[in-house]
Amino acid sequence: MANVPLWLSRSQILGFRRRVGSLEERLPMGVSALRRAAWAGLQDSMPRAALLSIHARIAGTNPATWEHRSLVQLWGPRFNNYVVAAKDRAIFSLGRLPENAQRRARANDIASRLQAFLGGRRLPFDQAGQAIRGNPNMLRYAAPTGTVLMRWDGARQAVVWNVPAPDMDPRGARLELARRYLHVFGPATASSFGGWAGILPAEAVVAVAELSSELTPVRTPFGDAWILTEDEKAIRSKSQNPAPARLLPSGDTYYLLWEDDRKLLVPETKHRAALWTTRVWPGALLVAGEIVGTWRRSASAVSIEAWRRLSPAERKAVEGEAVSLPLPALSGPIAINWSP
């Protein structure tokens, strides 16, 4: 009789994702902790989102932590602004380099033009883009070459510059990118990997197929998927006590999900619509291991909307998270507004 794939429950999946995502207990500050927090990259398309994602995972985060010497900023998956470990630059750049010859040639051409124009300088995004292609957004297509870094502080225009190409084979980088995705977002499929990474579906299928000897098939409440075989023991184990509360910023890795994965994380349709809006996503309110609301910030005012009545202890934990947010240049203390 054929082997029956391992069945994984919702609680097992979410508990595993919280543990590998360092959302059950904060890590002590350090280079290894920062790399672990950014294992699948930290999306930073909203001002200082990566900083707040680090704060949710690492103790002692301060307003400058996102610029730690061990981190870099680049256009990563889906050409979004990401903060990643400097050691992992190749994975999040070359791992997305197109297989198609024409698309790869375009990436290399833009990268070469940018390098020739900059000549070792650092220049604003618009200025550099208009000089070499007329459309600054075209610079993003050079990012998968691994030769373009950027700095965006959320207030001013991004600055771009060139760095040497990473010393890594693009194929190896693609496979490691898939491993990172399967570890942090698993169980997962080739389709979901391709959507997250922003690569063609066929390229994602090939990458996951090449990892087949490292994967174990599983069944989830929403169908068949894969996990890394080395993660099987961890995903079977019981979840530890989840953190009392975490405020996850817009685009945080824990809920950077699509389709059925969203249903798994947030079962109610109306709540999914409130979290994954058609415009800018709010932050997610994580309480005792479940997303139970949303939050937004304007300067020093934090507005929180809970989907259920929170206990006094839960509200206290949430407020403690809010006032500890390492936000730069605030004119006063953080004020919390609850709704309802």
C-alpha atoms as a PDB file:
ATOM      1  CA  MET A   1       0.000   0.000   0.000  1.00  0.00           C
ATOM      2  CA  ALA A   2       1.266   3.462  -0.905  1.00  0.00           C
ATOM      3  CA  ASN A   3       2.474   5.664   1.887  1.00  0.00           C
ATOM      4  CA  VAL A   4      -0.186   8.083   3.112  1.00  0.00           C
ATOM      5  CA  PRO A   5       1.071  11.689   3.180  1.00  0.00           C
ATOM      6  CA  LEU A   6       1.480  13.229   6.601  1.00  0.00           C
ATOM      7  CA  TRP A   7      -1.673  15.088   7.686  1.00  0.00           C
ATOM      8  CA  LEU A   8      -1.062  18.479   9.282  1.00  0.00           C
ATOM      9  CA  SER A   9      -3.697  20.437  11.182  1.00  0.00           C
ATOM     10  CA  ARG A  10      -4.157  24.188  11.169  1.00  0.00           C
ATOM     11  CA  SER A  11      -2.744  24.490  14.692  1.00  0.00           C
ATOM     12  CA  GLN A  12       0.367  22.482  13.758  1.00  0.00           C
ATOM     13  CA  ILE A  13       1.016  24.608  10.686  1.00  0.00           C
ATOM     14  CA  LEU A  14       0.534  27.965  12.383  1.00  0.00           C
ATOM     15  CA  GLY A  15       2.458  26.905  15.474  1.00  0.00           C
ATOM     16  CA  PHE A  16       5.370  25.835  13.289  1.00  0.00           C
ATOM     17  CA  ARG A  17       5.317  29.084  11.317  1.00  0.00           C
ATOM     18  CA  ARG A  18       5.338  31.137  14.502  1.00  0.00           C
ATOM     19  CA  ARG A  19       8.277  29.165  15.887  1.00  0.00           C
ATOM     20  CA  VAL A  20      10.444  29.345  12.766  1.00  0.00           C
ATOM     21  CA  GLY A  21       9.425  32.989  12.406  1.00  0.00           C
ATOM     22  CA  SER A  22      10.655  33.764  15.963  1.00  0.00           C
ATOM     23  CA  LEU A  23       7.214  35.013  16.983  1.00  0.00           C
ATOM     24  CA  GLU A  24       6.760  32.951  20.137  1.00  0.00           C
ATOM     25  CA  GLU A  25       9.793  34.272  22.015  1.00  0.00           C
ATOM     26  CA  ARG A  26      12.050  37.168  21.082  1.00  0.00           C
ATOM     27  CA  LEU A  27      15.637  36.355  20.186  1.00  0.00           C
ATOM     28  CA  PRO A  28      18.528  38.131  21.926  1.00  0.00           C
ATOM     29  CA  MET A  29      19.995  40.869  19.742  1.00  0.00           C
ATOM     30  CA  GLY A  30      22.932  39.827  17.575  1.00  0.00           C
ATOM     31  CA  VAL A  31      24.082  39.182  14.010  1.00  0.00           C
ATOM     32  CA  SER A  32      22.804  35.589  13.980  1.00  0.00           C
ATOM     33  CA  ALA A  33      19.410  36.690  15.330  1.00  0.00           C
ATOM     34  CA  LEU A  34      19.086  39.400  12.671  1.00  0.00           C
ATOM     35  CA  ARG A  35      19.875  36.879   9.950  1.00  0.00           C
ATOM     36  CA  ARG A  36      17.350  34.451  11.400  1.00  0.00           C
ATOM     37  CA  ALA A  37      14.663  37.138  11.545  1.00  0.00           C
ATOM     38  CA  ALA A  38      15.346  37.912   7.884  1.00  0.00           C
ATOM     39  CA  TRP A  39      15.590  34.269   6.770  1.00  0.00           C
ATOM     40  CA  ALA A  40      12.872  34.869   4.142  1.00  0.00           C
ATOM     41  CA  GLY A  41      13.638  38.579   3.897  1.00  0.00           C
ATOM     42  CA  LEU A  42      11.853  41.473   5.581  1.00  0.00           C
ATOM     43  CA  GLN A  43       9.563  43.425   3.308  1.00  0.00           C
ATOM     44  CA  ASP A  44      10.157  47.156   3.746  1.00  0.00           C
ATOM     45  CA  SER A  45       7.811  48.755   1.223  1.00  0.00           C
ATOM     46  CA  MET A  46       6.001  50.671   3.970  1.00  0.00           C
ATOM     47  CA  PRO A  47       8.192  53.117   5.933  1.00  0.00           C
ATOM     48  CA  ARG A  48      10.172  51.164   8.534  1.00  0.00           C
ATOM     49  CA  ALA A  49       8.125  47.966   8.168  1.00  0.00           C
ATOM     50  CA  ALA A  50      11.317  45.883   8.304  1.00  0.00           C
ATOM     51  CA  LEU A  51      12.332  47.598  11.547  1.00  0.00           C
ATOM     52  CA  LEU A  52       8.996  46.747  13.159  1.00  0.00           C
ATOM     53  CA  SER A  53       9.224  43.147  11.890  1.00  0.00           C
ATOM     54  CA  ILE A  54      12.627  42.910  13.579  1.00  0.00           C
ATOM     55  CA  HIS A  55      11.171  44.376  16.780  1.00  0.00           C
ATOM     56  CA  ALA A  56       8.482  41.664  16.801  1.00  0.00           C
ATOM     57  CA  ARG A  57      11.234  39.030  16.770  1.00  0.00           C
ATOM     58  CA  ILE A  58      14.322  40.412  18.521  1.00  0.00           C
ATOM     59  CA  ALA A  59      14.763  41.994  21.938  1.00  0.00           C
ATOM     60  CA  GLY A  60      16.592  45.283  22.160  1.00  0.00           C
ATOM     61  CA  THR A  61      15.597  46.587  18.726  1.00  0.00           C
ATOM     62  CA  ASN A  62      16.160  50.331  18.373  1.00  0.00           C
ATOM     63  CA  PRO A  63      15.268  52.837  15.626  1.00  0.00           C
ATOM     64  CA  ALA A  64      18.597  52.264  13.845  1.00  0.00           C
ATOM     65  CA  THR A  65      18.594  48.450  13.896  1.00  0.00           C
ATOM     66  CA  TRP A  66      17.398  48.186  10.296  1.00  0.00           C
ATOM     67  CA  GLU A  67      20.746  49.727   9.252  1.00  0.00           C
ATOM     68  CA  HIS A  68      22.847  47.206  11.170  1.00  0.00           C
ATOM     69  CA  ARG A  69      26.134  46.439   9.425  1.00  0.00           C
ATOM     70  CA  SER A  70      25.000  42.847   8.833  1.00  0.00           C
ATOM     71  CA  LEU A  71      21.918  43.915   6.818  1.00  0.00           C
ATOM     72  CA  VAL A  72      21.406  45.393   3.353  1.00  0.00           C
ATOM     73  CA  GLN A  73      18.423  46.823   1.495  1.00  0.00           C
ATOM     74  CA  LEU A  74      17.517  45.779  -2.051  1.00  0.00           C
ATOM     75  CA  TRP A  75      14.625  45.112  -4.405  1.00  0.00           C
ATOM     76  CA  GLY A  76      13.754  41.533  -3.589  1.00  0.00           C
ATOM     77  CA  PRO A  77      10.775  39.241  -4.212  1.00  0.00           C
ATOM     78  CA  ARG A  78       8.180  40.796  -6.548  1.00  0.00           C
ATOM     79  CA  PHE A  79      10.573  43.781  -6.875  1.00  0.00           C
ATOM     80  CA  ASN A  80       9.505  45.057  -3.449  1.00  0.00           C
ATOM     81  CA  ASN A  81      11.875  46.824  -1.103  1.00  0.00           C
ATOM     82  CA  TYR A  82      13.431  44.238   1.250  1.00  0.00           C
ATOM     83  CA  VAL A  83      15.918  44.160   4.095  1.00  0.00           C
ATOM     84  CA  VAL A  84      18.015  40.979   4.077  1.00  0.00           C
ATOM     85  CA  ALA A  85      21.198  39.708   5.666  1.00  0.00           C
ATOM     86  CA  ALA A  86      24.237  40.894   3.707  1.00  0.00           C
ATOM     87  CA  LYS A  87      25.421  37.270   3.612  1.00  0.00           C
ATOM     88  CA  ASP A  88      22.189  36.369   1.802  1.00  0.00           C
ATOM     89  CA  ARG A  89      22.306  39.053  -0.893  1.00  0.00           C
ATOM     90  CA  ALA A  90      22.884  36.465  -3.627  1.00  0.00           C
ATOM     91  CA  ILE A  91      19.886  34.383  -2.556  1.00  0.00           C
ATOM     92  CA  PHE A  92      17.431  37.269  -2.767  1.00  0.00           C
ATOM     93  CA  SER A  93      18.881  38.677  -5.984  1.00  0.00           C
ATOM     94  CA  LEU A  94      20.427  35.950  -8.161  1.00  0.00           C
ATOM     95  CA  GLY A  95      17.762  33.571  -6.875  1.00  0.00           C
ATOM     96  CA  ARG A  96      15.264  35.605  -8.880  1.00  0.00           C
ATOM     97  CA  LEU A  97      17.366  36.086 -12.024  1.00  0.00           C
ATOM     98  CA  PRO A  98      15.145  35.104 -14.985  1.00  0.00           C
ATOM     99  CA  GLU A  99      15.876  31.868 -16.828  1.00  0.00           C
ATOM    100  CA  ASN A 100      14.527  33.367 -20.050  1.00  0.00           C
ATOM    101  CA  ALA A 101      17.449  34.630 -22.151  1.00  0.00           C
ATOM    102  CA  GLN A 102      15.715  37.828 -23.248  1.00  0.00           C
ATOM    103  CA  ARG A 103      14.587  38.787 -19.744  1.00  0.00           C
ATOM    104  CA  ARG A 104      18.022  37.951 -18.292  1.00  0.00           C
ATOM    105  CA  ALA A 105      19.694  40.060 -20.988  1.00  0.00           C
ATOM    106  CA  ARG A 106      17.465  42.987 -20.065  1.00  0.00           C
ATOM    107  CA  ALA A 107      18.444  42.685 -16.400  1.00  0.00           C
ATOM    108  CA  ASN A 108      22.140  42.584 -17.259  1.00  0.00           C
ATOM    109  CA  ASP A 109      21.829  45.494 -19.703  1.00  0.00           C
ATOM    110  CA  ILE A 110      20.150  47.774 -17.171  1.00  0.00           C
ATOM    111  CA  ALA A 111      22.674  46.782 -14.510  1.00  0.00           C
ATOM    112  CA  SER A 112      25.590  47.546 -16.849  1.00  0.00           C
ATOM    113  CA  ARG A 113      24.130  50.914 -17.849  1.00  0.00           C
ATOM    114  CA  LEU A 114      23.581  51.828 -14.212  1.00  0.00           C
ATOM    115  CA  GLN A 115      27.120  50.871 -13.237  1.00  0.00           C
ATOM    116  CA  ALA A 116      28.586  52.903 -16.091  1.00  0.00           C
ATOM    117  CA  PHE A 117      26.506  55.959 -15.188  1.00  0.00           C
ATOM    118  CA  LEU A 118      27.093  55.846 -11.444  1.00  0.00           C
ATOM    119  CA  GLY A 119      30.822  55.231 -11.669  1.00  0.00           C
ATOM    120  CA  GLY A 120      31.000  54.427  -7.978  1.00  0.00           C
ATOM    121  CA  ARG A 121      28.626  57.206  -6.905  1.00  0.00           C
ATOM    122  CA  ARG A 122      25.441  56.941  -4.862  1.00  0.00           C
ATOM    123  CA  LEU A 123      22.559  58.840  -6.444  1.00  0.00           C
ATOM    124  CA  PRO A 124      18.803  59.259  -5.933  1.00  0.00           C
ATOM    125  CA  PHE A 125      16.664  56.635  -7.594  1.00  0.00           C
ATOM    126  CA  ASP A 126      14.849  59.052  -9.933  1.00  0.00           C
ATOM    127  CA  GLN A 127      18.022  60.774 -11.083  1.00  0.00           C
ATOM    128  CA  ALA A 128      19.797  57.518 -11.885  1.00  0.00           C
ATOM    129  CA  GLY A 129      16.783  55.922 -13.534  1.00  0.00           C
ATOM    130  CA  GLN A 130      15.963  58.852 -15.773  1.00  0.00           C
ATOM    131  CA  ALA A 131      19.572  59.113 -16.886  1.00  0.00           C
ATOM    132  CA  ILE A 132      19.871  55.545 -18.145  1.00  0.00           C
ATOM    133  CA  ARG A 133      16.357  54.457 -19.140  1.00  0.00           C
ATOM    134  CA  GLY A 134      13.973  57.399 -18.808  1.00  0.00           C
ATOM    135  CA  ASN A 135      11.801  55.446 -16.347  1.00  0.00           C
ATOM    136  CA  PRO A 136      13.277  55.079 -12.843  1.00  0.00           C
ATOM    137  CA  ASN A 137      11.166  52.010 -12.101  1.00  0.00           C
ATOM    138  CA  MET A 138      13.153  50.114 -14.738  1.00  0.00           C
ATOM    139  CA  LEU A 139      16.065  50.039 -12.289  1.00  0.00           C
ATOM    140  CA  ARG A 140      14.204  47.359 -10.364  1.00  0.00           C
ATOM    141  CA  TYR A 141      14.808  44.943 -13.232  1.00  0.00           C
ATOM    142  CA  ALA A 142      18.557  45.160 -12.565  1.00  0.00           C
ATOM    143  CA  ALA A 143      18.135  43.992  -8.963  1.00  0.00           C
ATOM    144  CA  PRO A 144      18.228  40.220  -9.745  1.00  0.00           C
ATOM    145  CA  THR A 145      21.817  40.616 -10.991  1.00  0.00           C
ATOM    146  CA  GLY A 146      22.835  41.187  -7.376  1.00  0.00           C
ATOM    147  CA  THR A 147      24.798  44.328  -8.286  1.00  0.00           C
ATOM    148  CA  VAL A 148      22.332  46.964  -7.059  1.00  0.00           C
ATOM    149  CA  LEU A 149      21.729  48.025  -3.467  1.00  0.00           C
ATOM    150  CA  MET A 150      19.575  50.823  -2.168  1.00  0.00           C
ATOM    151  CA  ARG A 151      18.745  52.819   0.928  1.00  0.00           C
ATOM    152  CA  TRP A 152      15.266  54.130   1.634  1.00  0.00           C
ATOM    153  CA  ASP A 153      14.483  55.599   5.031  1.00  0.00           C
ATOM    154  CA  GLY A 154      10.776  56.092   4.366  1.00  0.00           C
ATOM    155  CA  ALA A 155      10.940  59.874   4.208  1.00  0.00           C
ATOM    156  CA  ARG A 156      13.155  60.748   1.265  1.00  0.00           C
ATOM    157  CA  GLN A 157      13.779  59.316  -2.175  1.00  0.00           C
ATOM    158  CA  ALA A 158      15.698  56.034  -2.295  1.00  0.00           C
ATOM    159  CA  VAL A 159      19.421  56.202  -3.064  1.00  0.00           C
ATOM    160  CA  VAL A 160      20.992  53.502  -5.257  1.00  0.00           C
ATOM    161  CA  TRP A 161      24.547  52.281  -5.845  1.00  0.00           C
ATOM    162  CA  ASN A 162      26.461  49.372  -7.352  1.00  0.00           C
ATOM    163  CA  VAL A 163      28.261  46.514  -5.636  1.00  0.00           C
ATOM    164  CA  PRO A 164      30.247  43.595  -7.079  1.00  0.00           C
ATOM    165  CA  ALA A 165      28.204  40.674  -8.397  1.00  0.00           C
ATOM    166  CA  PRO A 166      27.754  37.917  -5.789  1.00  0.00           C
ATOM    167  CA  ASP A 167      30.009  34.895  -6.084  1.00  0.00           C
ATOM    168  CA  MET A 168      27.227  32.331  -6.337  1.00  0.00           C
ATOM    169  CA  ASP A 169      25.654  30.301  -9.106  1.00  0.00           C
ATOM    170  CA  PRO A 170      22.135  31.614  -9.901  1.00  0.00           C
ATOM    171  CA  ARG A 171      20.770  28.076  -9.919  1.00  0.00           C
ATOM    172  CA  GLY A 172      22.090  27.424  -6.441  1.00  0.00           C
ATOM    173  CA  ALA A 173      20.676  30.748  -5.288  1.00  0.00           C
ATOM    174  CA  ARG A 174      17.253  29.840  -6.723  1.00  0.00           C
ATOM    175  CA  LEU A 175      17.224  26.515  -4.884  1.00  0.00           C
ATOM    176  CA  GLU A 176      18.222  28.131  -1.602  1.00  0.00           C
ATOM    177  CA  LEU A 177      15.506  30.762  -2.068  1.00  0.00           C
ATOM    178  CA  ALA A 178      13.001  27.912  -2.461  1.00  0.00           C
ATOM    179  CA  ARG A 179      14.341  26.232   0.685  1.00  0.00           C
ATOM    180  CA  ARG A 180      13.974  29.476   2.628  1.00  0.00           C
ATOM    181  CA  TYR A 181      10.385  29.828   1.424  1.00  0.00           C
ATOM    182  CA  LEU A 182       9.465  26.233   2.275  1.00  0.00           C
ATOM    183  CA  HIS A 183      10.979  26.580   5.731  1.00  0.00           C
ATOM    184  CA  VAL A 184       9.315  29.872   6.696  1.00  0.00           C
ATOM    185  CA  PHE A 185       6.021  29.506   4.813  1.00  0.00           C
ATOM    186  CA  GLY A 186       5.684  25.722   4.737  1.00  0.00           C
ATOM    187  CA  PRO A 187       3.738  23.663   3.994  1.00  0.00           C
ATOM    188  CA  ALA A 188       3.800  25.198   0.531  1.00  0.00           C
ATOM    189  CA  THR A 189       3.536  24.481  -3.188  1.00  0.00           C
ATOM    190  CA  ALA A 190       5.539  25.404  -6.269  1.00  0.00           C
ATOM    191  CA  SER A 191       2.752  27.775  -7.260  1.00  0.00           C
ATOM    192  CA  SER A 192       2.843  29.656  -3.959  1.00  0.00           C
ATOM    193  CA  PHE A 193       6.637  29.831  -4.104  1.00  0.00           C
ATOM    194  CA  GLY A 194       6.509  31.370  -7.573  1.00  0.00           C
ATOM    195  CA  GLY A 195       3.922  33.934  -6.507  1.00  0.00           C
ATOM    196  CA  TRP A 196       5.936  34.952  -3.460  1.00  0.00           C
ATOM    197  CA  ALA A 197       9.288  35.107  -5.269  1.00  0.00           C
ATOM    198  CA  GLY A 198       7.870  36.858  -8.321  1.00  0.00           C
ATOM    199  CA  ILE A 199       9.264  34.336 -10.805  1.00  0.00           C
ATOM    200  CA  LEU A 200       7.515  32.545 -13.656  1.00  0.00           C
ATOM    201  CA  PRO A 201       5.355  29.549 -12.653  1.00  0.00           C
ATOM    202  CA  ALA A 202       7.428  27.178 -14.773  1.00  0.00           C
ATOM    203  CA  GLU A 203      10.631  28.361 -13.100  1.00  0.00           C
ATOM    204  CA  ALA A 204       9.105  27.746  -9.673  1.00  0.00           C
ATOM    205  CA  VAL A 205       7.994  24.236 -10.653  1.00  0.00           C
ATOM    206  CA  VAL A 206      11.496  23.354 -11.842  1.00  0.00           C
ATOM    207  CA  ALA A 207      13.105  24.674  -8.656  1.00  0.00           C
ATOM    208  CA  VAL A 208      10.802  22.733  -6.342  1.00  0.00           C
ATOM    209  CA  ALA A 209      11.209  19.599  -8.482  1.00  0.00           C
ATOM    210  CA  GLU A 210      14.989  19.846  -8.129  1.00  0.00           C
ATOM    211  CA  LEU A 211      14.530  19.833  -4.352  1.00  0.00           C
ATOM    212  CA  SER A 212      12.340  16.708  -4.401  1.00  0.00           C
ATOM    213  CA  SER A 213      14.890  14.588  -2.521  1.00  0.00           C
ATOM    214  CA  GLU A 214      14.770  17.131   0.338  1.00  0.00           C
ATOM    215  CA  LEU A 215      10.970  17.333   0.543  1.00  0.00           C
ATOM    216  CA  THR A 216       8.170  15.411   2.239  1.00  0.00           C
ATOM    217  CA  PRO A 217       4.600  15.481   0.882  1.00  0.00           C
ATOM    218  CA  VAL A 218       1.897  16.524   3.343  1.00  0.00           C
ATOM    219  CA  ARG A 219      -1.839  17.094   3.385  1.00  0.00           C
ATOM    220  CA  THR A 220      -3.311  20.248   4.873  1.00  0.00           C
ATOM    221  CA  PRO A 221      -6.856  21.547   5.403  1.00  0.00           C
ATOM    222  CA  PHE A 222      -6.582  23.117   1.930  1.00  0.00           C
ATOM    223  CA  GLY A 223      -4.880  20.384  -0.060  1.00  0.00           C
ATOM    224  CA  ASP A 224      -1.544  18.752  -0.778  1.00  0.00           C
ATOM    225  CA  ALA A 225       1.737  20.592  -0.230  1.00  0.00           C
ATOM    226  CA  TRP A 226       5.405  20.106   0.633  1.00  0.00           C
ATOM    227  CA  ILE A 227       7.606  20.647   3.652  1.00  0.00           C
ATOM    228  CA  LEU A 228      11.355  20.318   4.023  1.00  0.00           C
ATOM    229  CA  THR A 229      12.002  16.814   5.343  1.00  0.00           C
ATOM    230  CA  GLU A 230      14.308  18.266   7.983  1.00  0.00           C
ATOM    231  CA  ASP A 231      11.332  20.273   9.333  1.00  0.00           C
ATOM    232  CA  GLU A 232       9.052  17.270   9.857  1.00  0.00           C
ATOM    233  CA  LYS A 233       9.987  16.689  13.503  1.00  0.00           C
ATOM    234  CA  ALA A 234       9.533  20.368  14.347  1.00  0.00           C
ATOM    235  CA  ILE A 235       6.194  20.666  12.598  1.00  0.00           C
ATOM    236  CA  ARG A 236       4.890  17.564  14.402  1.00  0.00           C
ATOM    237  CA  SER A 237       5.880  18.913  17.805  1.00  0.00           C
ATOM    238  CA  LYS A 238       3.467  20.788  20.017  1.00  0.00           C
ATOM    239  CA  SER A 239       3.542  24.544  19.987  1.00  0.00           C
ATOM    240  CA  GLN A 240       5.076  26.257  22.981  1.00  0.00           C
ATOM    241  CA  ASN A 241       3.182  29.002  24.753  1.00  0.00           C
ATOM    242  CA  PRO A 242       2.555  31.667  22.089  1.00  0.00           C
ATOM    243  CA  ALA A 243       3.594  35.235  22.813  1.00  0.00           C
ATOM    244  CA  PRO A 244       0.892  37.290  24.576  1.00  0.00           C
ATOM    245  CA  ALA A 245       0.917  39.906  21.791  1.00  0.00           C
ATOM    246  CA  ARG A 246       2.831  41.135  18.768  1.00  0.00           C
ATOM    247  CA  LEU A 247       2.129  44.062  16.431  1.00  0.00           C
ATOM    248  CA  LEU A 248       3.137  42.904  12.953  1.00  0.00           C
ATOM    249  CA  PRO A 249       3.654  45.674  10.378  1.00  0.00           C
ATOM    250  CA  SER A 250       2.176  45.882   6.896  1.00  0.00           C
ATOM    251  CA  GLY A 251       3.596  43.098   4.737  1.00  0.00           C
ATOM    252  CA  ASP A 252       5.161  41.153   7.608  1.00  0.00           C
ATOM    253  CA  THR A 253       6.357  37.686   6.605  1.00  0.00           C
ATOM    254  CA  TYR A 254       3.853  35.931   8.893  1.00  0.00           C
ATOM    255  CA  TYR A 255       0.873  37.083   6.869  1.00  0.00           C
ATOM    256  CA  LEU A 256       2.479  37.739   3.478  1.00  0.00           C
ATOM    257  CA  LEU A 257       0.156  35.117   2.040  1.00  0.00           C
ATOM    258  CA  TRP A 258      -2.240  34.494  -0.823  1.00  0.00           C
ATOM    259  CA  GLU A 259      -5.308  32.385  -1.622  1.00  0.00           C
ATOM    260  CA  ASP A 260      -5.890  29.359   0.645  1.00  0.00           C
ATOM    261  CA  ASP A 261      -3.047  30.307   2.993  1.00  0.00           C
ATOM    262  CA  ARG A 262      -5.020  33.409   3.901  1.00  0.00           C
ATOM    263  CA  LYS A 263      -8.046  31.260   4.733  1.00  0.00           C
ATOM    264  CA  LEU A 264      -5.872  29.074   6.932  1.00  0.00           C
ATOM    265  CA  LEU A 265      -4.496  32.048   8.862  1.00  0.00           C
ATOM    266  CA  VAL A 266      -7.732  34.049   9.090  1.00  0.00           C
ATOM    267  CA  PRO A 267     -10.822  31.814   8.677  1.00  0.00           C
ATOM    268  CA  GLU A 268     -13.515  34.522   8.581  1.00  0.00           C
ATOM    269  CA  THR A 269     -14.127  36.213   5.235  1.00  0.00           C
ATOM    270  CA  LYS A 270     -14.857  39.662   6.674  1.00  0.00           C
ATOM    271  CA  HIS A 271     -11.670  39.604   8.714  1.00  0.00           C
ATOM    272  CA  ARG A 272      -9.584  38.605   5.691  1.00  0.00           C
ATOM    273  CA  ALA A 273     -11.058  41.563   3.810  1.00  0.00           C
ATOM    274  CA  ALA A 274     -10.054  43.861   6.673  1.00  0.00           C
ATOM    275  CA  LEU A 275      -6.470  42.571   6.783  1.00  0.00           C
ATOM    276  CA  TRP A 276      -5.665  42.025   3.106  1.00  0.00           C
ATOM    277  CA  THR A 277      -7.245  45.147   1.691  1.00  0.00           C
ATOM    278  CA  THR A 278      -7.174  46.197  -1.958  1.00  0.00           C
ATOM    279  CA  ARG A 279      -4.966  49.146  -1.007  1.00  0.00           C
ATOM    280  CA  VAL A 280      -2.244  49.460   1.632  1.00  0.00           C
ATOM    281  CA  TRP A 281      -2.484  46.625   4.136  1.00  0.00           C
ATOM    282  CA  PRO A 282      -2.828  47.517   7.814  1.00  0.00           C
ATOM    283  CA  GLY A 283      -0.659  45.820  10.393  1.00  0.00           C
ATOM    284  CA  ALA A 284      -1.815  42.561  11.967  1.00  0.00           C
ATOM    285  CA  LEU A 285      -2.648  42.213  15.655  1.00  0.00           C
ATOM    286  CA  LEU A 286      -1.332  38.852  16.877  1.00  0.00           C
ATOM    287  CA  VAL A 287      -2.626  37.822  20.314  1.00  0.00           C
ATOM    288  CA  ALA A 288      -1.911  34.433  21.911  1.00  0.00           C
ATOM    289  CA  GLY A 289      -1.016  32.949  18.538  1.00  0.00           C
ATOM    290  CA  GLU A 290      -4.039  34.172  16.553  1.00  0.00           C
ATOM    291  CA  ILE A 291      -4.533  37.255  14.407  1.00  0.00           C
ATOM    292  CA  VAL A 292      -7.436  39.017  16.101  1.00  0.00           C
ATOM    293  CA  GLY A 293      -7.410  42.479  14.566  1.00  0.00           C
ATOM    294  CA  THR A 294      -5.552  45.176  12.687  1.00  0.00           C
ATOM    295  CA  TRP A 295      -3.591  48.286  13.563  1.00  0.00           C
ATOM    296  CA  ARG A 296      -2.338  51.434  11.879  1.00  0.00           C
ATOM    297  CA  ARG A 297      -0.032  54.255  12.858  1.00  0.00           C
ATOM    298  CA  SER A 298       0.089  57.954  12.111  1.00  0.00           C
ATOM    299  CA  ALA A 299       3.123  59.632  13.671  1.00  0.00           C
ATOM    300  CA  SER A 300       2.871  58.788  17.396  1.00  0.00           C
ATOM    301  CA  ALA A 301      -0.788  57.680  17.280  1.00  0.00           C
ATOM    302  CA  VAL A 302      -1.434  53.935  17.083  1.00  0.00           C
ATOM    303  CA  SER A 303      -5.007  52.888  16.218  1.00  0.00           C
ATOM    304  CA  ILE A 304      -5.994  49.306  17.026  1.00  0.00           C
ATOM    305  CA  GLU A 305      -9.153  47.528  15.859  1.00  0.00           C
ATOM    306  CA  ALA A 306      -9.841  44.208  17.587  1.00  0.00           C
ATOM    307  CA  TRP A 307     -12.168  41.636  16.031  1.00  0.00           C
ATOM    308  CA  ARG A 308     -13.140  40.229  19.413  1.00  0.00           C
ATOM    309  CA  ARG A 309     -13.300  41.455  22.975  1.00  0.00           C
ATOM    310  CA  LEU A 310      -9.870  41.230  24.531  1.00  0.00           C
ATOM    311  CA  SER A 311      -9.339  40.462  28.191  1.00  0.00           C
ATOM    312  CA  PRO A 312      -7.714  43.118  30.410  1.00  0.00           C
ATOM    313  CA  ALA A 313      -4.483  41.094  30.354  1.00  0.00           C
ATOM    314  CA  GLU A 314      -4.551  40.863  26.558  1.00  0.00           C
ATOM    315  CA  ARG A 315      -5.177  44.599  26.181  1.00  0.00           C
ATOM    316  CA  LYS A 316      -2.314  45.321  28.558  1.00  0.00           C
ATOM    317  CA  ALA A 317       0.006  43.078  26.515  1.00  0.00           C
ATOM    318  CA  VAL A 318      -1.019  44.781  23.266  1.00  0.00           C
ATOM    319  CA  GLU A 319      -0.525  48.235  24.757  1.00  0.00           C
ATOM    320  CA  GLY A 320       2.889  47.189  26.031  1.00  0.00           C
ATOM    321  CA  GLU A 321       3.857  46.221  22.493  1.00  0.00           C
ATOM    322  CA  ALA A 322       2.538  49.490  21.105  1.00  0.00           C
ATOM    323  CA  VAL A 323       4.428  51.777  23.476  1.00  0.00           C
ATOM    324  CA  SER A 324       7.639  49.802  22.892  1.00  0.00           C
ATOM    325  CA  LEU A 325       7.632  50.281  19.102  1.00  0.00           C
ATOM    326  CA  PRO A 326      11.104  51.606  18.174  1.00  0.00           C
ATOM    327  CA  LEU A 327       9.815  54.455  16.026  1.00  0.00           C
ATOM    328  CA  PRO A 328      12.281  57.187  15.071  1.00  0.00           C
ATOM    329  CA  ALA A 329      11.883  60.928  15.560  1.00  0.00           C
ATOM    330  CA  LEU A 330       8.594  60.949  17.456  1.00  0.00           C
ATOM    331  CA  SER A 331       7.497  64.311  18.844  1.00  0.00           C
ATOM    332  CA  GLY A 332       5.858  62.749  21.883  1.00  0.00           C
ATOM    333  CA  PRO A 333       4.889  59.462  23.575  1.00  0.00           C
ATOM    334  CA  ILE A 334       2.895  56.889  21.641  1.00  0.00           C
ATOM    335  CA  ALA A 335      -0.871  57.306  22.078  1.00  0.00           C
ATOM    336  CA  ILE A 336      -3.138  54.274  21.670  1.00  0.00           C
ATOM    337  CA  ASN A 337      -6.656  54.447  20.272  1.00  0.00           C
ATOM    338  CA  TRP A 338      -8.857  51.364  20.525  1.00  0.00           C
ATOM    339  CA  SER A 339     -11.728  50.482  18.220  1.00  0.00           C
ATOM    340  CA  PRO A 340     -14.171  49.254  19.302  1.00  0.00           C
END
